[in-house]
Amino acid sequence: MQLNHVFLKPILILRSTQMKLKLIAATALLASSFAASAATYDLGTLSPAGFDSWGESSARIGTGVTIDDTWTFTLLADSTASFLASQTFLVTGGAISNFSAVLLGNSFAPGSSTTTSQTLSWGGVLSAGTYSVHVTGLTTADRTTYQGAVSALPVPEPETYAMLLGGLGLVGAIARRRQKKA
């Protein structure tokens, strides 16, 4: 009987190890079914010298994955800026459900949607600084991607407006003198 016990112990240890591995594999599989895309995309620093824009595509995301992405960009000067997240798909079932974004606490849901695309967009004046746009949704098709883009045009400084008004006033004064002389 002791001889059987000696042979059974390694078999029981082996089975116990196999069960543990199966449990770990099942846990990993279950965790992947609740997966989330939590990527950060850096759209870089936009030039204050004039109009500048940049965009890129998200990574490919599987079916049923929660999107929880962050897009960042930096403005070196006060700018009229816009952010756009858009997705195109071949069939209606390929749309990202609950596709939305948040910038500075303001949510923006799809502004324009068709049977093959959906777009999130925001525009306004932003001060110099670094900004993050939080994009969320749930993929309904395999290998889903979407694009993020930002553009900015520096806001003219008050001195620029003062010079413009001064120049217009000077041109007006010269035109008036010419009329009086004629």
C-alpha atoms as a PDB file:
ATOM      1  CA  MET A   1       0.000   0.000   0.000  1.00  0.00           C
ATOM      2  CA  GLN A   2       2.840   2.374   0.666  1.00  0.00           C
ATOM      3  CA  LEU A   3       4.139   1.720  -2.816  1.00  0.00           C
ATOM      4  CA  ASN A   4       0.835   2.892  -4.368  1.00  0.00           C
ATOM      5  CA  HIS A   5       0.905   6.013  -2.224  1.00  0.00           C
ATOM      6  CA  VAL A   6       4.385   6.887  -3.531  1.00  0.00           C
ATOM      7  CA  PHE A   7       3.186   6.642  -7.143  1.00  0.00           C
ATOM      8  CA  LEU A   8      -0.120   8.444  -6.535  1.00  0.00           C
ATOM      9  CA  LYS A   9       1.380  11.528  -4.893  1.00  0.00           C
ATOM     10  CA  PRO A  10       3.219  12.796  -8.065  1.00  0.00           C
ATOM     11  CA  ILE A  11       0.107  12.104 -10.150  1.00  0.00           C
ATOM     12  CA  LEU A  12      -2.049  14.123  -7.735  1.00  0.00           C
ATOM     13  CA  ILE A  13       0.493  16.979  -7.770  1.00  0.00           C
ATOM     14  CA  LEU A  14       0.527  16.906 -11.588  1.00  0.00           C
ATOM     15  CA  ARG A  15      -3.275  17.002 -11.764  1.00  0.00           C
ATOM     16  CA  SER A  16      -3.381  19.832  -9.224  1.00  0.00           C
ATOM     17  CA  THR A  17      -0.877  21.823 -11.326  1.00  0.00           C
ATOM     18  CA  GLN A  18      -2.889  21.176 -14.485  1.00  0.00           C
ATOM     19  CA  MET A  19      -6.062  22.387 -12.754  1.00  0.00           C
ATOM     20  CA  LYS A  20      -4.284  25.542 -11.613  1.00  0.00           C
ATOM     21  CA  LEU A  21      -3.051  26.222 -15.157  1.00  0.00           C
ATOM     22  CA  LYS A  22      -6.557  25.686 -16.556  1.00  0.00           C
ATOM     23  CA  LEU A  23      -7.958  28.065 -13.948  1.00  0.00           C
ATOM     24  CA  ILE A  24      -5.340  30.704 -14.818  1.00  0.00           C
ATOM     25  CA  ALA A  25      -6.065  30.300 -18.560  1.00  0.00           C
ATOM     26  CA  ALA A  26      -9.826  30.585 -17.969  1.00  0.00           C
ATOM     27  CA  THR A  27      -9.310  33.713 -15.843  1.00  0.00           C
ATOM     28  CA  ALA A  28      -7.133  35.303 -18.531  1.00  0.00           C
ATOM     29  CA  LEU A  29      -9.733  34.478 -21.190  1.00  0.00           C
ATOM     30  CA  LEU A  30     -12.518  35.953 -19.073  1.00  0.00           C
ATOM     31  CA  ALA A  31     -10.467  39.102 -18.395  1.00  0.00           C
ATOM     32  CA  SER A  32      -9.788  39.567 -22.100  1.00  0.00           C
ATOM     33  CA  SER A  33     -13.520  39.436 -22.836  1.00  0.00           C
ATOM     34  CA  PHE A  34     -13.905  42.485 -20.596  1.00  0.00           C
ATOM     35  CA  ALA A  35     -10.907  44.165 -22.221  1.00  0.00           C
ATOM     36  CA  ALA A  36     -10.579  47.873 -22.631  1.00  0.00           C
ATOM     37  CA  SER A  37      -8.590  49.956 -25.050  1.00  0.00           C
ATOM     38  CA  ALA A  38      -6.911  52.439 -22.758  1.00  0.00           C
ATOM     39  CA  ALA A  39      -4.368  54.001 -25.099  1.00  0.00           C
ATOM     40  CA  THR A  40      -2.837  57.465 -25.005  1.00  0.00           C
ATOM     41  CA  TYR A  41      -2.142  59.203 -28.312  1.00  0.00           C
ATOM     42  CA  ASP A  42       0.053  62.307 -28.467  1.00  0.00           C
ATOM     43  CA  LEU A  43      -0.829  64.670 -31.303  1.00  0.00           C
ATOM     44  CA  GLY A  44       2.213  66.768 -30.435  1.00  0.00           C
ATOM     45  CA  THR A  45       2.838  70.476 -30.151  1.00  0.00           C
ATOM     46  CA  LEU A  46       1.092  72.771 -32.596  1.00  0.00           C
ATOM     47  CA  SER A  47       3.142  75.647 -33.994  1.00  0.00           C
ATOM     48  CA  PRO A  48       2.163  79.195 -32.970  1.00  0.00           C
ATOM     49  CA  ALA A  49       3.565  80.545 -36.275  1.00  0.00           C
ATOM     50  CA  GLY A  50       0.364  79.922 -38.255  1.00  0.00           C
ATOM     51  CA  PHE A  51      -2.199  77.261 -39.063  1.00  0.00           C
ATOM     52  CA  ASP A  52      -1.078  73.830 -37.905  1.00  0.00           C
ATOM     53  CA  SER A  53      -2.819  70.449 -37.700  1.00  0.00           C
ATOM     54  CA  TRP A  54      -2.010  66.839 -36.982  1.00  0.00           C
ATOM     55  CA  GLY A  55      -3.870  63.545 -36.784  1.00  0.00           C
ATOM     56  CA  GLU A  56      -3.400  59.822 -36.498  1.00  0.00           C
ATOM     57  CA  SER A  57      -5.363  56.578 -36.302  1.00  0.00           C
ATOM     58  CA  SER A  58      -6.092  54.569 -33.201  1.00  0.00           C
ATOM     59  CA  ALA A  59      -4.808  51.041 -32.841  1.00  0.00           C
ATOM     60  CA  ARG A  60      -6.982  48.209 -34.168  1.00  0.00           C
ATOM     61  CA  ILE A  61      -9.491  47.183 -31.533  1.00  0.00           C
ATOM     62  CA  GLY A  62     -11.388  43.877 -31.320  1.00  0.00           C
ATOM     63  CA  THR A  63     -15.143  43.298 -31.028  1.00  0.00           C
ATOM     64  CA  GLY A  64     -16.847  44.172 -27.746  1.00  0.00           C
ATOM     65  CA  VAL A  65     -13.910  46.176 -26.389  1.00  0.00           C
ATOM     66  CA  THR A  66     -14.534  49.287 -24.326  1.00  0.00           C
ATOM     67  CA  ILE A  67     -12.667  52.307 -25.717  1.00  0.00           C
ATOM     68  CA  ASP A  68     -11.207  54.526 -22.995  1.00  0.00           C
ATOM     69  CA  ASP A  69      -8.550  56.485 -24.893  1.00  0.00           C
ATOM     70  CA  THR A  70      -6.837  59.807 -24.244  1.00  0.00           C
ATOM     71  CA  TRP A  71      -5.636  62.130 -27.012  1.00  0.00           C
ATOM     72  CA  THR A  72      -3.243  64.907 -25.940  1.00  0.00           C
ATOM     73  CA  PHE A  73      -1.948  67.999 -27.702  1.00  0.00           C
ATOM     74  CA  THR A  74      -0.079  71.155 -26.725  1.00  0.00           C
ATOM     75  CA  LEU A  75      -0.687  74.740 -27.855  1.00  0.00           C
ATOM     76  CA  LEU A  76       2.214  77.182 -27.530  1.00  0.00           C
ATOM     77  CA  ALA A  77      -0.041  80.232 -27.979  1.00  0.00           C
ATOM     78  CA  ASP A  78      -3.703  81.111 -27.514  1.00  0.00           C
ATOM     79  CA  SER A  79      -5.417  79.525 -30.510  1.00  0.00           C
ATOM     80  CA  THR A  80      -8.684  78.915 -32.235  1.00  0.00           C
ATOM     81  CA  ALA A  81      -8.533  75.142 -32.047  1.00  0.00           C
ATOM     82  CA  SER A  82     -10.637  72.186 -33.114  1.00  0.00           C
ATOM     83  CA  PHE A  83     -10.557  68.485 -32.292  1.00  0.00           C
ATOM     84  CA  LEU A  84     -12.096  65.788 -34.452  1.00  0.00           C
ATOM     85  CA  ALA A  85     -12.570  62.069 -33.837  1.00  0.00           C
ATOM     86  CA  SER A  86     -14.102  60.180 -36.737  1.00  0.00           C
ATOM     87  CA  GLN A  87     -14.787  56.634 -37.766  1.00  0.00           C
ATOM     88  CA  THR A  88     -15.840  55.116 -41.060  1.00  0.00           C
ATOM     89  CA  PHE A  89     -17.243  51.620 -41.390  1.00  0.00           C
ATOM     90  CA  LEU A  90     -18.538  49.376 -44.132  1.00  0.00           C
ATOM     91  CA  VAL A  91     -21.807  48.341 -42.466  1.00  0.00           C
ATOM     92  CA  THR A  92     -23.998  49.963 -39.822  1.00  0.00           C
ATOM     93  CA  GLY A  93     -23.076  47.182 -37.386  1.00  0.00           C
ATOM     94  CA  GLY A  94     -19.466  48.412 -37.517  1.00  0.00           C
ATOM     95  CA  ALA A  95     -20.160  51.692 -35.742  1.00  0.00           C
ATOM     96  CA  ILE A  96     -18.668  52.359 -32.321  1.00  0.00           C
ATOM     97  CA  SER A  97     -21.643  52.431 -29.956  1.00  0.00           C
ATOM     98  CA  ASN A  98     -21.848  55.244 -27.389  1.00  0.00           C
ATOM     99  CA  PHE A  99     -19.014  57.045 -29.239  1.00  0.00           C
ATOM    100  CA  SER A 100     -18.306  60.247 -27.288  1.00  0.00           C
ATOM    101  CA  ALA A 101     -15.525  62.554 -26.170  1.00  0.00           C
ATOM    102  CA  VAL A 102     -14.835  65.041 -23.366  1.00  0.00           C
ATOM    103  CA  LEU A 103     -12.585  68.120 -23.498  1.00  0.00           C
ATOM    104  CA  LEU A 104     -12.328  70.471 -20.504  1.00  0.00           C
ATOM    105  CA  GLY A 105     -15.345  68.799 -18.917  1.00  0.00           C
ATOM    106  CA  ASN A 106     -17.506  69.427 -22.004  1.00  0.00           C
ATOM    107  CA  SER A 107     -18.932  66.317 -23.684  1.00  0.00           C
ATOM    108  CA  PHE A 108     -19.392  66.168 -27.397  1.00  0.00           C
ATOM    109  CA  ALA A 109     -21.384  63.316 -28.922  1.00  0.00           C
ATOM    110  CA  PRO A 110     -21.508  62.451 -32.620  1.00  0.00           C
ATOM    111  CA  GLY A 111     -22.224  65.634 -34.564  1.00  0.00           C
ATOM    112  CA  SER A 112     -22.721  63.988 -37.906  1.00  0.00           C
ATOM    113  CA  SER A 113     -23.473  60.369 -38.566  1.00  0.00           C
ATOM    114  CA  THR A 114     -24.276  58.531 -41.750  1.00  0.00           C
ATOM    115  CA  THR A 115     -24.789  54.867 -42.458  1.00  0.00           C
ATOM    116  CA  THR A 116     -21.030  54.529 -42.971  1.00  0.00           C
ATOM    117  CA  SER A 117     -19.415  57.136 -40.694  1.00  0.00           C
ATOM    118  CA  GLN A 118     -19.685  59.028 -37.437  1.00  0.00           C
ATOM    119  CA  THR A 119     -17.877  62.161 -36.318  1.00  0.00           C
ATOM    120  CA  LEU A 120     -17.201  63.846 -32.980  1.00  0.00           C
ATOM    121  CA  SER A 121     -16.025  67.440 -33.211  1.00  0.00           C
ATOM    122  CA  TRP A 122     -15.298  70.416 -30.972  1.00  0.00           C
ATOM    123  CA  GLY A 123     -14.045  73.887 -31.763  1.00  0.00           C
ATOM    124  CA  GLY A 124     -13.273  77.038 -29.790  1.00  0.00           C
ATOM    125  CA  VAL A 125     -10.559  79.290 -28.413  1.00  0.00           C
ATOM    126  CA  LEU A 126      -8.030  77.655 -26.095  1.00  0.00           C
ATOM    127  CA  SER A 127      -5.228  79.261 -24.103  1.00  0.00           C
ATOM    128  CA  ALA A 128      -1.659  78.060 -24.439  1.00  0.00           C
ATOM    129  CA  GLY A 129      -1.213  74.759 -22.614  1.00  0.00           C
ATOM    130  CA  THR A 130      -1.528  70.996 -22.832  1.00  0.00           C
ATOM    131  CA  TYR A 131      -4.968  69.475 -23.344  1.00  0.00           C
ATOM    132  CA  SER A 132      -6.433  65.982 -23.132  1.00  0.00           C
ATOM    133  CA  VAL A 133      -9.483  64.695 -24.955  1.00  0.00           C
ATOM    134  CA  HIS A 134     -11.036  61.571 -23.440  1.00  0.00           C
ATOM    135  CA  VAL A 135     -12.707  59.359 -26.100  1.00  0.00           C
ATOM    136  CA  THR A 136     -15.006  56.498 -25.082  1.00  0.00           C
ATOM    137  CA  GLY A 137     -17.246  53.949 -26.739  1.00  0.00           C
ATOM    138  CA  LEU A 138     -17.804  50.236 -27.330  1.00  0.00           C
ATOM    139  CA  THR A 139     -16.614  48.466 -30.464  1.00  0.00           C
ATOM    140  CA  THR A 140     -19.151  46.386 -32.352  1.00  0.00           C
ATOM    141  CA  ALA A 141     -16.839  44.969 -35.027  1.00  0.00           C
ATOM    142  CA  ASP A 142     -13.425  43.351 -35.111  1.00  0.00           C
ATOM    143  CA  ARG A 143     -10.366  45.462 -36.061  1.00  0.00           C
ATOM    144  CA  THR A 144     -12.185  48.740 -35.403  1.00  0.00           C
ATOM    145  CA  THR A 145     -10.157  51.939 -35.747  1.00  0.00           C
ATOM    146  CA  TYR A 146     -10.951  55.627 -35.570  1.00  0.00           C
ATOM    147  CA  GLN A 147      -8.989  58.780 -36.285  1.00  0.00           C
ATOM    148  CA  GLY A 148      -8.177  61.711 -34.033  1.00  0.00           C
ATOM    149  CA  ALA A 149      -7.064  65.106 -35.347  1.00  0.00           C
ATOM    150  CA  VAL A 150      -6.433  68.565 -33.965  1.00  0.00           C
ATOM    151  CA  SER A 151      -5.910  71.873 -35.729  1.00  0.00           C
ATOM    152  CA  ALA A 152      -5.085  75.341 -34.450  1.00  0.00           C
ATOM    153  CA  LEU A 153      -4.741  78.871 -35.723  1.00  0.00           C
ATOM    154  CA  PRO A 154      -3.176  81.374 -33.319  1.00  0.00           C
ATOM    155  CA  VAL A 155      -5.485  84.141 -32.100  1.00  0.00           C
ATOM    156  CA  PRO A 156      -4.110  87.574 -33.077  1.00  0.00           C
ATOM    157  CA  GLU A 157      -2.858  89.584 -30.127  1.00  0.00           C
ATOM    158  CA  PRO A 158      -4.550  92.921 -29.271  1.00  0.00           C
ATOM    159  CA  GLU A 159      -1.547  94.807 -30.635  1.00  0.00           C
ATOM    160  CA  THR A 160      -2.218  93.273 -34.059  1.00  0.00           C
ATOM    161  CA  TYR A 161      -5.795  94.579 -34.028  1.00  0.00           C
ATOM    162  CA  ALA A 162      -4.571  98.003 -32.856  1.00  0.00           C
ATOM    163  CA  MET A 163      -2.091  98.172 -35.737  1.00  0.00           C
ATOM    164  CA  LEU A 164      -4.803  97.126 -38.204  1.00  0.00           C
ATOM    165  CA  LEU A 165      -7.214  99.798 -36.949  1.00  0.00           C
ATOM    166  CA  GLY A 166      -4.454 102.420 -36.933  1.00  0.00           C
ATOM    167  CA  GLY A 167      -3.556 101.542 -40.539  1.00  0.00           C
ATOM    168  CA  LEU A 168      -7.203 101.736 -41.642  1.00  0.00           C
ATOM    169  CA  GLY A 169      -7.550 105.121 -39.908  1.00  0.00           C
ATOM    170  CA  LEU A 170      -4.432 106.419 -41.675  1.00  0.00           C
ATOM    171  CA  VAL A 171      -5.702 105.215 -45.084  1.00  0.00           C
ATOM    172  CA  GLY A 172      -9.071 106.874 -44.345  1.00  0.00           C
ATOM    173  CA  ALA A 173      -7.392 110.171 -43.395  1.00  0.00           C
ATOM    174  CA  ILE A 174      -5.327 110.182 -46.597  1.00  0.00           C
ATOM    175  CA  ALA A 175      -8.459 109.452 -48.714  1.00  0.00           C
ATOM    176  CA  ARG A 176     -10.332 112.308 -47.020  1.00  0.00           C
ATOM    177  CA  ARG A 177      -7.486 114.797 -47.711  1.00  0.00           C
ATOM    178  CA  ARG A 178      -7.416 113.772 -51.349  1.00  0.00           C
ATOM    179  CA  GLN A 179     -11.172 114.358 -51.640  1.00  0.00           C
ATOM    180  CA  LYS A 180     -10.825 117.851 -50.115  1.00  0.00           C
ATOM    181  CA  LYS A 181      -8.011 118.802 -52.501  1.00  0.00           C
ATOM    182  CA  ALA A 182      -9.979 117.643 -55.548  1.00  0.00           C
END
